[in-house]
Amino acid sequence: MNRNWFQNRDHVAYCNEAEIIPRLSRELGISDLGQRVAAFREHPTPEGENIRGCKRTTLKLMIPNLAFSEPIDMGENVWIYMGDLCPAYCLYTPWENGEAAK
């Protein structure tokens, strides 16, 4: 896991949190994923948080700007990382006027 990998837009899916969390929760077998993301957002750590799913999966909640020495685009948001072979999910909440948070 390195900063350059996260900067490559081919490796990142920018997702509306309200749309992606229920789907990932169901697919990965992590029923409380939404609550875990909210709790991590309130109390983030530079090393992130590993979460095991029921379907032999593990994901990492992280905030790239805390994990890496230099900031990246949208790195202040919570991201879900599941390894280099899967996209990283950058979670954002659209602004009230319909624009994405930057």
PDB file of N, CA and C in Angstrom:
ATOM      1  N   MET A   1       0.850  -1.166   0.000  1.00  0.00           N
ATOM      2  CA  MET A   1       0.000   0.000   0.000  1.00  0.00           C
ATOM      3  C   MET A   1       0.897   1.231   0.000  1.00  0.00           C
ATOM      4  N   ASN A   2       0.795   2.033  -1.074  1.00  0.00           N
ATOM      5  CA  ASN A   2       1.604   3.247  -1.125  1.00  0.00           C
ATOM      6  C   ASN A   2       0.810   4.402  -1.734  1.00  0.00           C
ATOM      7  N   ARG A   3       1.285   5.575  -1.500  1.00  0.00           N
ATOM      8  CA  ARG A   3       0.611   6.803  -1.922  1.00  0.00           C
ATOM      9  C   ARG A   3       0.401   6.858  -3.432  1.00  0.00           C
ATOM     10  N   ASN A   4       1.394   6.451  -4.215  1.00  0.00           N
ATOM     11  CA  ASN A   4       1.284   6.496  -5.671  1.00  0.00           C
ATOM     12  C   ASN A   4       0.144   5.635  -6.186  1.00  0.00           C
ATOM     13  N   TRP A   5      -0.072   4.483  -5.554  1.00  0.00           N
ATOM     14  CA  TRP A   5      -1.170   3.607  -5.971  1.00  0.00           C
ATOM     15  C   TRP A   5      -2.502   4.341  -5.792  1.00  0.00           C
ATOM     16  N   PHE A   6      -2.681   5.036  -4.676  1.00  0.00           N
ATOM     17  CA  PHE A   6      -3.927   5.748  -4.406  1.00  0.00           C
ATOM     18  C   PHE A   6      -4.116   6.965  -5.311  1.00  0.00           C
ATOM     19  N   GLN A   7      -3.047   7.524  -5.820  1.00  0.00           N
ATOM     20  CA  GLN A   7      -3.147   8.678  -6.712  1.00  0.00           C
ATOM     21  C   GLN A   7      -3.545   8.274  -8.128  1.00  0.00           C
ATOM     22  N   ASN A   8      -3.403   7.026  -8.488  1.00  0.00           N
ATOM     23  CA  ASN A   8      -3.762   6.557  -9.815  1.00  0.00           C
ATOM     24  C   ASN A   8      -5.279   6.423  -9.892  1.00  0.00           C
ATOM     25  N   ARG A   9      -5.922   7.244 -10.702  1.00  0.00           N
ATOM     26  CA  ARG A   9      -7.391   7.247 -10.791  1.00  0.00           C
ATOM     27  C   ARG A   9      -7.958   5.922 -11.301  1.00  0.00           C
ATOM     28  N   ASP A  10      -7.137   5.106 -11.943  1.00  0.00           N
ATOM     29  CA  ASP A  10      -7.600   3.782 -12.389  1.00  0.00           C
ATOM     30  C   ASP A  10      -7.789   2.826 -11.217  1.00  0.00           C
ATOM     31  N   HIS A  11      -7.239   3.156 -10.067  1.00  0.00           N
ATOM     32  CA  HIS A  11      -7.329   2.303  -8.884  1.00  0.00           C
ATOM     33  C   HIS A  11      -8.393   2.764  -7.894  1.00  0.00           C
ATOM     34  N   VAL A  12      -9.060   3.878  -8.196  1.00  0.00           N
ATOM     35  CA  VAL A  12      -9.972   4.487  -7.222  1.00  0.00           C
ATOM     36  C   VAL A  12     -11.378   4.608  -7.785  1.00  0.00           C
ATOM     37  N   ALA A  13     -12.365   4.292  -6.955  1.00  0.00           N
ATOM     38  CA  ALA A  13     -13.769   4.542  -7.273  1.00  0.00           C
ATOM     39  C   ALA A  13     -14.260   5.600  -6.290  1.00  0.00           C
ATOM     40  N   TYR A  14     -14.684   6.737  -6.809  1.00  0.00           N
ATOM     41  CA  TYR A  14     -15.218   7.809  -5.970  1.00  0.00           C
ATOM     42  C   TYR A  14     -16.708   7.562  -5.832  1.00  0.00           C
ATOM     43  N   CYS A  15     -17.171   7.273  -4.620  1.00  0.00           N
ATOM     44  CA  CYS A  15     -18.525   6.786  -4.407  1.00  0.00           C
ATOM     45  C   CYS A  15     -19.296   7.621  -3.408  1.00  0.00           C
ATOM     46  N   ASN A  16     -20.569   7.803  -3.700  1.00  0.00           N
ATOM     47  CA  ASN A  16     -21.482   8.414  -2.751  1.00  0.00           C
ATOM     48  C   ASN A  16     -21.659   7.415  -1.614  1.00  0.00           C
ATOM     49  N   GLU A  17     -21.314   7.828  -0.421  1.00  0.00           N
ATOM     50  CA  GLU A  17     -21.330   6.913   0.733  1.00  0.00           C
ATOM     51  C   GLU A  17     -22.698   6.268   0.940  1.00  0.00           C
ATOM     52  N   ALA A  18     -23.769   7.034   0.793  1.00  0.00           N
ATOM     53  CA  ALA A  18     -25.113   6.509   1.027  1.00  0.00           C
ATOM     54  C   ALA A  18     -25.490   5.418   0.030  1.00  0.00           C
ATOM     55  N   GLU A  19     -24.868   5.420  -1.135  1.00  0.00           N
ATOM     56  CA  GLU A  19     -25.175   4.413  -2.149  1.00  0.00           C
ATOM     57  C   GLU A  19     -24.288   3.175  -2.034  1.00  0.00           C
ATOM     58  N   ILE A  20     -23.012   3.352  -1.722  1.00  0.00           N
ATOM     59  CA  ILE A  20     -22.068   2.229  -1.756  1.00  0.00           C
ATOM     60  C   ILE A  20     -22.025   1.423  -0.460  1.00  0.00           C
ATOM     61  N   ILE A  21     -22.200   2.056   0.682  1.00  0.00           N
ATOM     62  CA  ILE A  21     -22.082   1.344   1.961  1.00  0.00           C
ATOM     63  C   ILE A  21     -23.103   0.204   2.080  1.00  0.00           C
ATOM     64  N   PRO A  22     -24.387   0.424   1.782  1.00  0.00           N
ATOM     65  CA  PRO A  22     -25.320  -0.710   1.876  1.00  0.00           C
ATOM     66  C   PRO A  22     -24.942  -1.876   0.958  1.00  0.00           C
ATOM     67  N   ARG A  23     -24.480  -1.570  -0.256  1.00  0.00           N
ATOM     68  CA  ARG A  23     -24.089  -2.629  -1.192  1.00  0.00           C
ATOM     69  C   ARG A  23     -22.873  -3.393  -0.691  1.00  0.00           C
ATOM     70  N   LEU A  24     -21.832  -2.674  -0.266  1.00  0.00           N
ATOM     71  CA  LEU A  24     -20.634  -3.342   0.241  1.00  0.00           C
ATOM     72  C   LEU A  24     -20.937  -4.129   1.513  1.00  0.00           C
ATOM     73  N   SER A  25     -21.765  -3.575   2.362  1.00  0.00           N
ATOM     74  CA  SER A  25     -22.144  -4.257   3.600  1.00  0.00           C
ATOM     75  C   SER A  25     -22.767  -5.609   3.288  1.00  0.00           C
ATOM     76  N   ARG A  26     -23.668  -5.615   2.332  1.00  0.00           N
ATOM     77  CA  ARG A  26     -24.341  -6.856   1.922  1.00  0.00           C
ATOM     78  C   ARG A  26     -23.373  -7.822   1.238  1.00  0.00           C
ATOM     79  N   GLU A  27     -22.572  -7.324   0.300  1.00  0.00           N
ATOM     80  CA  GLU A  27     -21.661  -8.175  -0.464  1.00  0.00           C
ATOM     81  C   GLU A  27     -20.541  -8.767   0.387  1.00  0.00           C
ATOM     82  N   LEU A  28     -20.055  -8.011   1.369  1.00  0.00           N
ATOM     83  CA  LEU A  28     -18.930  -8.463   2.180  1.00  0.00           C
ATOM     84  C   LEU A  28     -19.350  -9.134   3.480  1.00  0.00           C
ATOM     85  N   GLY A  29     -20.631  -9.080   3.801  1.00  0.00           N
ATOM     86  CA  GLY A  29     -21.110  -9.707   5.026  1.00  0.00           C
ATOM     87  C   GLY A  29     -20.710  -8.951   6.282  1.00  0.00           C
ATOM     88  N   ILE A  30     -20.700  -7.619   6.192  1.00  0.00           N
ATOM     89  CA  ILE A  30     -20.365  -6.773   7.347  1.00  0.00           C
ATOM     90  C   ILE A  30     -21.608  -5.936   7.637  1.00  0.00           C
ATOM     91  N   SER A  31     -22.469  -6.439   8.495  1.00  0.00           N
ATOM     92  CA  SER A  31     -23.772  -5.804   8.706  1.00  0.00           C
ATOM     93  C   SER A  31     -23.674  -4.412   9.319  1.00  0.00           C
ATOM     94  N   ASP A  32     -22.635  -4.147  10.080  1.00  0.00           N
ATOM     95  CA  ASP A  32     -22.513  -2.840  10.735  1.00  0.00           C
ATOM     96  C   ASP A  32     -21.493  -1.929  10.048  1.00  0.00           C
ATOM     97  N   LEU A  33     -21.272  -2.112   8.756  1.00  0.00           N
ATOM     98  CA  LEU A  33     -20.254  -1.327   8.051  1.00  0.00           C
ATOM     99  C   LEU A  33     -20.538   0.172   8.134  1.00  0.00           C
ATOM    100  N   GLY A  34     -21.773   0.587   7.983  1.00  0.00           N
ATOM    101  CA  GLY A  34     -22.108   2.006   8.066  1.00  0.00           C
ATOM    102  C   GLY A  34     -21.737   2.609   9.410  1.00  0.00           C
ATOM    103  N   GLN A  35     -22.034   1.876  10.480  1.00  0.00           N
ATOM    104  CA  GLN A  35     -21.700   2.352  11.822  1.00  0.00           C
ATOM    105  C   GLN A  35     -20.193   2.389  12.028  1.00  0.00           C
ATOM    106  N   ARG A  36     -19.490   1.404  11.498  1.00  0.00           N
ATOM    107  CA  ARG A  36     -18.028   1.355  11.646  1.00  0.00           C
ATOM    108  C   ARG A  36     -17.370   2.520  10.904  1.00  0.00           C
ATOM    109  N   VAL A  37     -17.882   2.841   9.711  1.00  0.00           N
ATOM    110  CA  VAL A  37     -17.353   3.976   8.944  1.00  0.00           C
ATOM    111  C   VAL A  37     -17.593   5.275   9.713  1.00  0.00           C
ATOM    112  N   ALA A  38     -18.807   5.449  10.243  1.00  0.00           N
ATOM    113  CA  ALA A  38     -19.127   6.666  11.010  1.00  0.00           C
ATOM    114  C   ALA A  38     -18.243   6.789  12.247  1.00  0.00           C
ATOM    115  N   ALA A  39     -18.033   5.677  12.957  1.00  0.00           N
ATOM    116  CA  ALA A  39     -17.188   5.704  14.156  1.00  0.00           C
ATOM    117  C   ALA A  39     -15.741   6.024  13.794  1.00  0.00           C
ATOM    118  N   PHE A  40     -15.256   5.463  12.679  1.00  0.00           N
ATOM    119  CA  PHE A  40     -13.881   5.747  12.253  1.00  0.00           C
ATOM    120  C   PHE A  40     -13.740   7.208  11.845  1.00  0.00           C
ATOM    121  N   ARG A  41     -14.744   7.749  11.190  1.00  0.00           N
ATOM    122  CA  ARG A  41     -14.693   9.156  10.797  1.00  0.00           C
ATOM    123  C   ARG A  41     -14.599  10.064  12.027  1.00  0.00           C
ATOM    124  N   GLU A  42     -15.280   9.689  13.087  1.00  0.00           N
ATOM    125  CA  GLU A  42     -15.250  10.473  14.325  1.00  0.00           C
ATOM    126  C   GLU A  42     -13.904  10.359  15.052  1.00  0.00           C
ATOM    127  N   HIS A  43     -13.286   9.188  14.987  1.00  0.00           N
ATOM    128  CA  HIS A  43     -12.022   8.932  15.697  1.00  0.00           C
ATOM    129  C   HIS A  43     -11.034   8.224  14.770  1.00  0.00           C
ATOM    130  N   PRO A  44     -10.526   8.923  13.744  1.00  0.00           N
ATOM    131  CA  PRO A  44      -9.595   8.290  12.799  1.00  0.00           C
ATOM    132  C   PRO A  44      -8.215   8.092  13.413  1.00  0.00           C
ATOM    133  N   THR A  45      -7.495   7.127  12.870  1.00  0.00           N
ATOM    134  CA  THR A  45      -6.113   6.883  13.265  1.00  0.00           C
ATOM    135  C   THR A  45      -5.264   6.806  12.004  1.00  0.00           C
ATOM    136  N   PRO A  46      -3.992   7.177  12.075  1.00  0.00           N
ATOM    137  CA  PRO A  46      -3.133   7.116  10.894  1.00  0.00           C
ATOM    138  C   PRO A  46      -3.001   5.706  10.313  1.00  0.00           C
ATOM    139  N   GLU A  47      -3.031   4.685  11.171  1.00  0.00           N
ATOM    140  CA  GLU A  47      -2.880   3.314  10.671  1.00  0.00           C
ATOM    141  C   GLU A  47      -4.177   2.718  10.145  1.00  0.00           C
ATOM    142  N   GLY A  48      -5.300   3.374  10.357  1.00  0.00           N
ATOM    143  CA  GLY A  48      -6.578   2.882   9.856  1.00  0.00           C
ATOM    144  C   GLY A  48      -7.170   1.809  10.752  1.00  0.00           C
ATOM    145  N   GLU A  49      -8.227   1.177  10.254  1.00  0.00           N
ATOM    146  CA  GLU A  49      -8.900   0.112  10.994  1.00  0.00           C
ATOM    147  C   GLU A  49      -9.196  -1.049  10.061  1.00  0.00           C
ATOM    148  N   ASN A  50      -8.759  -2.242  10.436  1.00  0.00           N
ATOM    149  CA  ASN A  50      -9.053  -3.448   9.663  1.00  0.00           C
ATOM    150  C   ASN A  50     -10.366  -4.048  10.137  1.00  0.00           C
ATOM    151  N   ILE A  51     -11.195  -4.461   9.179  1.00  0.00           N
ATOM    152  CA  ILE A  51     -12.491  -5.065   9.483  1.00  0.00           C
ATOM    153  C   ILE A  51     -12.594  -6.373   8.707  1.00  0.00           C
ATOM    154  N   ARG A  52     -12.942  -7.445   9.412  1.00  0.00           N
ATOM    155  CA  ARG A  52     -13.143  -8.740   8.762  1.00  0.00           C
ATOM    156  C   ARG A  52     -14.602  -8.909   8.387  1.00  0.00           C
ATOM    157  N   GLY A  53     -14.815  -9.427   7.187  1.00  0.00           N
ATOM    158  CA  GLY A  53     -16.160  -9.745   6.731  1.00  0.00           C
ATOM    159  C   GLY A  53     -16.444 -11.223   6.923  1.00  0.00           C
ATOM    160  N   CYS A  54     -17.677 -11.595   6.674  1.00  0.00           N
ATOM    161  CA  CYS A  54     -18.085 -12.994   6.838  1.00  0.00           C
ATOM    162  C   CYS A  54     -17.703 -13.858   5.646  1.00  0.00           C
ATOM    163  N   LYS A  55     -17.346 -13.247   4.551  1.00  0.00           N
ATOM    164  CA  LYS A  55     -17.088 -13.990   3.320  1.00  0.00           C
ATOM    165  C   LYS A  55     -15.602 -14.012   2.966  1.00  0.00           C
ATOM    166  N   ARG A  56     -14.770 -14.276   3.972  1.00  0.00           N
ATOM    167  CA  ARG A  56     -13.324 -14.387   3.792  1.00  0.00           C
ATOM    168  C   ARG A  56     -12.708 -13.127   3.204  1.00  0.00           C
ATOM    169  N   THR A  57     -13.223 -11.999   3.605  1.00  0.00           N
ATOM    170  CA  THR A  57     -12.689 -10.725   3.147  1.00  0.00           C
ATOM    171  C   THR A  57     -12.259  -9.878   4.339  1.00  0.00           C
ATOM    172  N   THR A  58     -11.322  -9.022   4.077  1.00  0.00           N
ATOM    173  CA  THR A  58     -10.889  -8.034   5.065  1.00  0.00           C
ATOM    174  C   THR A  58     -10.750  -6.715   4.331  1.00  0.00           C
ATOM    175  N   LEU A  59     -11.172  -5.656   4.971  1.00  0.00           N
ATOM    176  CA  LEU A  59     -11.000  -4.332   4.385  1.00  0.00           C
ATOM    177  C   LEU A  59     -10.365  -3.422   5.410  1.00  0.00           C
ATOM    178  N   LYS A  60      -9.825  -2.340   4.911  1.00  0.00           N
ATOM    179  CA  LYS A  60      -9.191  -1.351   5.784  1.00  0.00           C
ATOM    180  C   LYS A  60      -9.896  -0.017   5.565  1.00  0.00           C
ATOM    181  N   LEU A  61     -10.362   0.571   6.660  1.00  0.00           N
ATOM    182  CA  LEU A  61     -10.840   1.947   6.630  1.00  0.00           C
ATOM    183  C   LEU A  61      -9.631   2.826   6.878  1.00  0.00           C
ATOM    184  N   MET A  62      -9.491   3.864   6.079  1.00  0.00           N
ATOM    185  CA  MET A  62      -8.328   4.734   6.235  1.00  0.00           C
ATOM    186  C   MET A  62      -8.630   6.129   5.729  1.00  0.00           C
ATOM    187  N   ILE A  63      -7.834   7.068   6.161  1.00  0.00           N
ATOM    188  CA  ILE A  63      -7.848   8.436   5.643  1.00  0.00           C
ATOM    189  C   ILE A  63      -6.448   8.671   5.089  1.00  0.00           C
ATOM    190  N   PRO A  64      -6.303   8.646   3.756  1.00  0.00           N
ATOM    191  CA  PRO A  64      -4.970   8.735   3.152  1.00  0.00           C
ATOM    192  C   PRO A  64      -4.127   9.911   3.621  1.00  0.00           C
ATOM    193  N   ASN A  65      -4.741  11.063   3.858  1.00  0.00           N
ATOM    194  CA  ASN A  65      -3.943  12.215   4.280  1.00  0.00           C
ATOM    195  C   ASN A  65      -3.366  12.046   5.681  1.00  0.00           C
ATOM    196  N   LEU A  66      -3.913  11.130   6.473  1.00  0.00           N
ATOM    197  CA  LEU A  66      -3.311  10.798   7.762  1.00  0.00           C
ATOM    198  C   LEU A  66      -2.257   9.701   7.612  1.00  0.00           C
ATOM    199  N   ALA A  67      -2.468   8.813   6.648  1.00  0.00           N
ATOM    200  CA  ALA A  67      -1.583   7.662   6.478  1.00  0.00           C
ATOM    201  C   ALA A  67      -0.290   8.002   5.739  1.00  0.00           C
ATOM    202  N   PHE A  68      -0.340   8.975   4.835  1.00  0.00           N
ATOM    203  CA  PHE A  68       0.818   9.304   4.013  1.00  0.00           C
ATOM    204  C   PHE A  68       1.354  10.678   4.367  1.00  0.00           C
ATOM    205  N   SER A  69       2.624  10.895   4.090  1.00  0.00           N
ATOM    206  CA  SER A  69       3.271  12.157   4.462  1.00  0.00           C
ATOM    207  C   SER A  69       2.822  13.334   3.608  1.00  0.00           C
ATOM    208  N   GLU A  70       2.348  13.077   2.392  1.00  0.00           N
ATOM    209  CA  GLU A  70       1.878  14.145   1.513  1.00  0.00           C
ATOM    210  C   GLU A  70       0.410  13.891   1.178  1.00  0.00           C
ATOM    211  N   PRO A  71      -0.397  14.950   1.098  1.00  0.00           N
ATOM    212  CA  PRO A  71      -1.821  14.766   0.813  1.00  0.00           C
ATOM    213  C   PRO A  71      -2.073  14.317  -0.626  1.00  0.00           C
ATOM    214  N   ILE A  72      -3.229  13.686  -0.829  1.00  0.00           N
ATOM    215  CA  ILE A  72      -3.671  13.299  -2.164  1.00  0.00           C
ATOM    216  C   ILE A  72      -5.053  13.905  -2.399  1.00  0.00           C
ATOM    217  N   ASP A  73      -5.499  13.874  -3.636  1.00  0.00           N
ATOM    218  CA  ASP A  73      -6.810  14.399  -3.992  1.00  0.00           C
ATOM    219  C   ASP A  73      -7.903  13.648  -3.230  1.00  0.00           C
ATOM    220  N   MET A  74      -8.743  14.355  -2.528  1.00  0.00           N
ATOM    221  CA  MET A  74      -9.843  13.828  -1.713  1.00  0.00           C
ATOM    222  C   MET A  74      -9.348  12.909  -0.597  1.00  0.00           C
ATOM    223  N   GLY A  75      -8.106  13.074  -0.195  1.00  0.00           N
ATOM    224  CA  GLY A  75      -7.505  12.244   0.837  1.00  0.00           C
ATOM    225  C   GLY A  75      -7.955  12.542   2.245  1.00  0.00           C
ATOM    226  N   GLU A  76      -8.784  13.564   2.422  1.00  0.00           N
ATOM    227  CA  GLU A  76      -9.323  13.862   3.746  1.00  0.00           C
ATOM    228  C   GLU A  76     -10.570  13.029   4.056  1.00  0.00           C
ATOM    229  N   ASN A  77     -11.084  12.324   3.062  1.00  0.00           N
ATOM    230  CA  ASN A  77     -12.265  11.473   3.235  1.00  0.00           C
ATOM    231  C   ASN A  77     -11.879  10.088   3.739  1.00  0.00           C
ATOM    232  N   VAL A  78     -12.866   9.359   4.234  1.00  0.00           N
ATOM    233  CA  VAL A  78     -12.649   7.955   4.597  1.00  0.00           C
ATOM    234  C   VAL A  78     -12.621   7.144   3.310  1.00  0.00           C
ATOM    235  N   TRP A  79     -11.650   6.251   3.212  1.00  0.00           N
ATOM    236  CA  TRP A  79     -11.515   5.357   2.063  1.00  0.00           C
ATOM    237  C   TRP A  79     -11.616   3.911   2.553  1.00  0.00           C
ATOM    238  N   ILE A  80     -12.094   3.051   1.671  1.00  0.00           N
ATOM    239  CA  ILE A  80     -12.108   1.609   1.938  1.00  0.00           C
ATOM    240  C   ILE A  80     -11.097   0.977   0.993  1.00  0.00           C
ATOM    241  N   TYR A  81     -10.125   0.298   1.571  1.00  0.00           N
ATOM    242  CA  TYR A  81      -9.054  -0.358   0.803  1.00  0.00           C
ATOM    243  C   TYR A  81      -9.166  -1.861   1.020  1.00  0.00           C
ATOM    244  N   MET A  82      -9.212  -2.617  -0.088  1.00  0.00           N
ATOM    245  CA  MET A  82      -9.340  -4.080  -0.002  1.00  0.00           C
ATOM    246  C   MET A  82      -8.207  -4.802  -0.711  1.00  0.00           C
ATOM    247  N   GLY A  83      -7.099  -4.124  -0.908  1.00  0.00           N
ATOM    248  CA  GLY A  83      -5.948  -4.735  -1.565  1.00  0.00           C
ATOM    249  C   GLY A  83      -5.717  -4.140  -2.940  1.00  0.00           C
ATOM    250  N   ASP A  84      -4.532  -4.366  -3.471  1.00  0.00           N
ATOM    251  CA  ASP A  84      -4.148  -3.767  -4.744  1.00  0.00           C
ATOM    252  C   ASP A  84      -4.918  -4.321  -5.941  1.00  0.00           C
ATOM    253  N   LEU A  85      -5.575  -5.455  -5.795  1.00  0.00           N
ATOM    254  CA  LEU A  85      -6.313  -6.042  -6.915  1.00  0.00           C
ATOM    255  C   LEU A  85      -7.749  -5.551  -7.002  1.00  0.00           C
ATOM    256  N   CYS A  86      -8.198  -4.808  -6.010  1.00  0.00           N
ATOM    257  CA  CYS A  86      -9.553  -4.238  -5.981  1.00  0.00           C
ATOM    258  C   CYS A  86      -9.442  -2.720  -5.994  1.00  0.00           C
ATOM    259  N   PRO A  87     -10.480  -2.044  -6.469  1.00  0.00           N
ATOM    260  CA  PRO A  87     -10.411  -0.582  -6.381  1.00  0.00           C
ATOM    261  C   PRO A  87     -10.522  -0.132  -4.934  1.00  0.00           C
ATOM    262  N   ALA A  88      -9.942   1.002  -4.646  1.00  0.00           N
ATOM    263  CA  ALA A  88     -10.141   1.640  -3.343  1.00  0.00           C
ATOM    264  C   ALA A  88     -11.378   2.523  -3.487  1.00  0.00           C
ATOM    265  N   TYR A  89     -12.220   2.525  -2.474  1.00  0.00           N
ATOM    266  CA  TYR A  89     -13.438   3.321  -2.511  1.00  0.00           C
ATOM    267  C   TYR A  89     -13.250   4.579  -1.690  1.00  0.00           C
ATOM    268  N   CYS A  90     -13.298   5.724  -2.346  1.00  0.00           N
ATOM    269  CA  CYS A  90     -13.245   7.015  -1.662  1.00  0.00           C
ATOM    270  C   CYS A  90     -14.690   7.395  -1.360  1.00  0.00           C
ATOM    271  N   LEU A  91     -15.026   7.481  -0.080  1.00  0.00           N
ATOM    272  CA  LEU A  91     -16.400   7.770   0.323  1.00  0.00           C
ATOM    273  C   LEU A  91     -16.599   9.269   0.477  1.00  0.00           C
ATOM    274  N   TYR A  92     -17.600   9.793  -0.175  1.00  0.00           N
ATOM    275  CA  TYR A  92     -17.918  11.202  -0.003  1.00  0.00           C
ATOM    276  C   TYR A  92     -19.429  11.354   0.113  1.00  0.00           C
ATOM    277  N   THR A  93     -19.833  12.483   0.641  1.00  0.00           N
ATOM    278  CA  THR A  93     -21.239  12.824   0.751  1.00  0.00           C
ATOM    279  C   THR A  93     -21.471  14.067  -0.092  1.00  0.00           C
ATOM    280  N   PRO A  94     -22.377  14.000  -1.064  1.00  0.00           N
ATOM    281  CA  PRO A  94     -22.615  15.185  -1.907  1.00  0.00           C
ATOM    282  C   PRO A  94     -23.107  16.363  -1.076  1.00  0.00           C
ATOM    283  N   TRP A  95     -22.757  17.553  -1.516  1.00  0.00           N
ATOM    284  CA  TRP A  95     -23.250  18.764  -0.866  1.00  0.00           C
ATOM    285  C   TRP A  95     -24.730  18.895  -1.158  1.00  0.00           C
ATOM    286  N   GLU A  96     -25.393  19.734  -0.413  1.00  0.00           N
ATOM    287  CA  GLU A  96     -26.832  19.910  -0.576  1.00  0.00           C
ATOM    288  C   GLU A  96     -27.199  20.410  -1.973  1.00  0.00           C
ATOM    289  N   ASN A  97     -26.353  21.195  -2.617  1.00  0.00           N
ATOM    290  CA  ASN A  97     -26.659  21.717  -3.946  1.00  0.00           C
ATOM    291  C   ASN A  97     -26.326  20.706  -5.036  1.00  0.00           C
ATOM    292  N   GLY A  98     -25.933  19.480  -4.672  1.00  0.00           N
ATOM    293  CA  GLY A  98     -25.696  18.434  -5.644  1.00  0.00           C
ATOM    294  C   GLY A  98     -24.256  18.266  -6.061  1.00  0.00           C
ATOM    295  N   GLU A  99     -23.354  19.119  -5.605  1.00  0.00           N
ATOM    296  CA  GLU A  99     -21.946  18.981  -5.954  1.00  0.00           C
ATOM    297  C   GLU A  99     -21.260  18.071  -4.972  1.00  0.00           C
ATOM    298  N   ALA A 100     -20.228  17.412  -5.418  1.00  0.00           N
ATOM    299  CA  ALA A 100     -19.455  16.521  -4.543  1.00  0.00           C
ATOM    300  C   ALA A 100     -18.540  17.335  -3.653  1.00  0.00           C
ATOM    301  N   ALA A 101     -18.320  16.834  -2.435  1.00  0.00           N
ATOM    302  CA  ALA A 101     -17.367  17.472  -1.519  1.00  0.00           C
ATOM    303  C   ALA A 101     -15.962  17.294  -2.064  1.00  0.00           C
ATOM    304  N   LYS A 102     -15.156  18.309  -1.945  1.00  0.00           N
ATOM    305  CA  LYS A 102     -13.777  18.199  -2.440  1.00  0.00           C
ATOM    306  C   LYS A 102     -12.801  18.335  -1.328  1.00  0.00           C
TER     307      LYS A 102
END
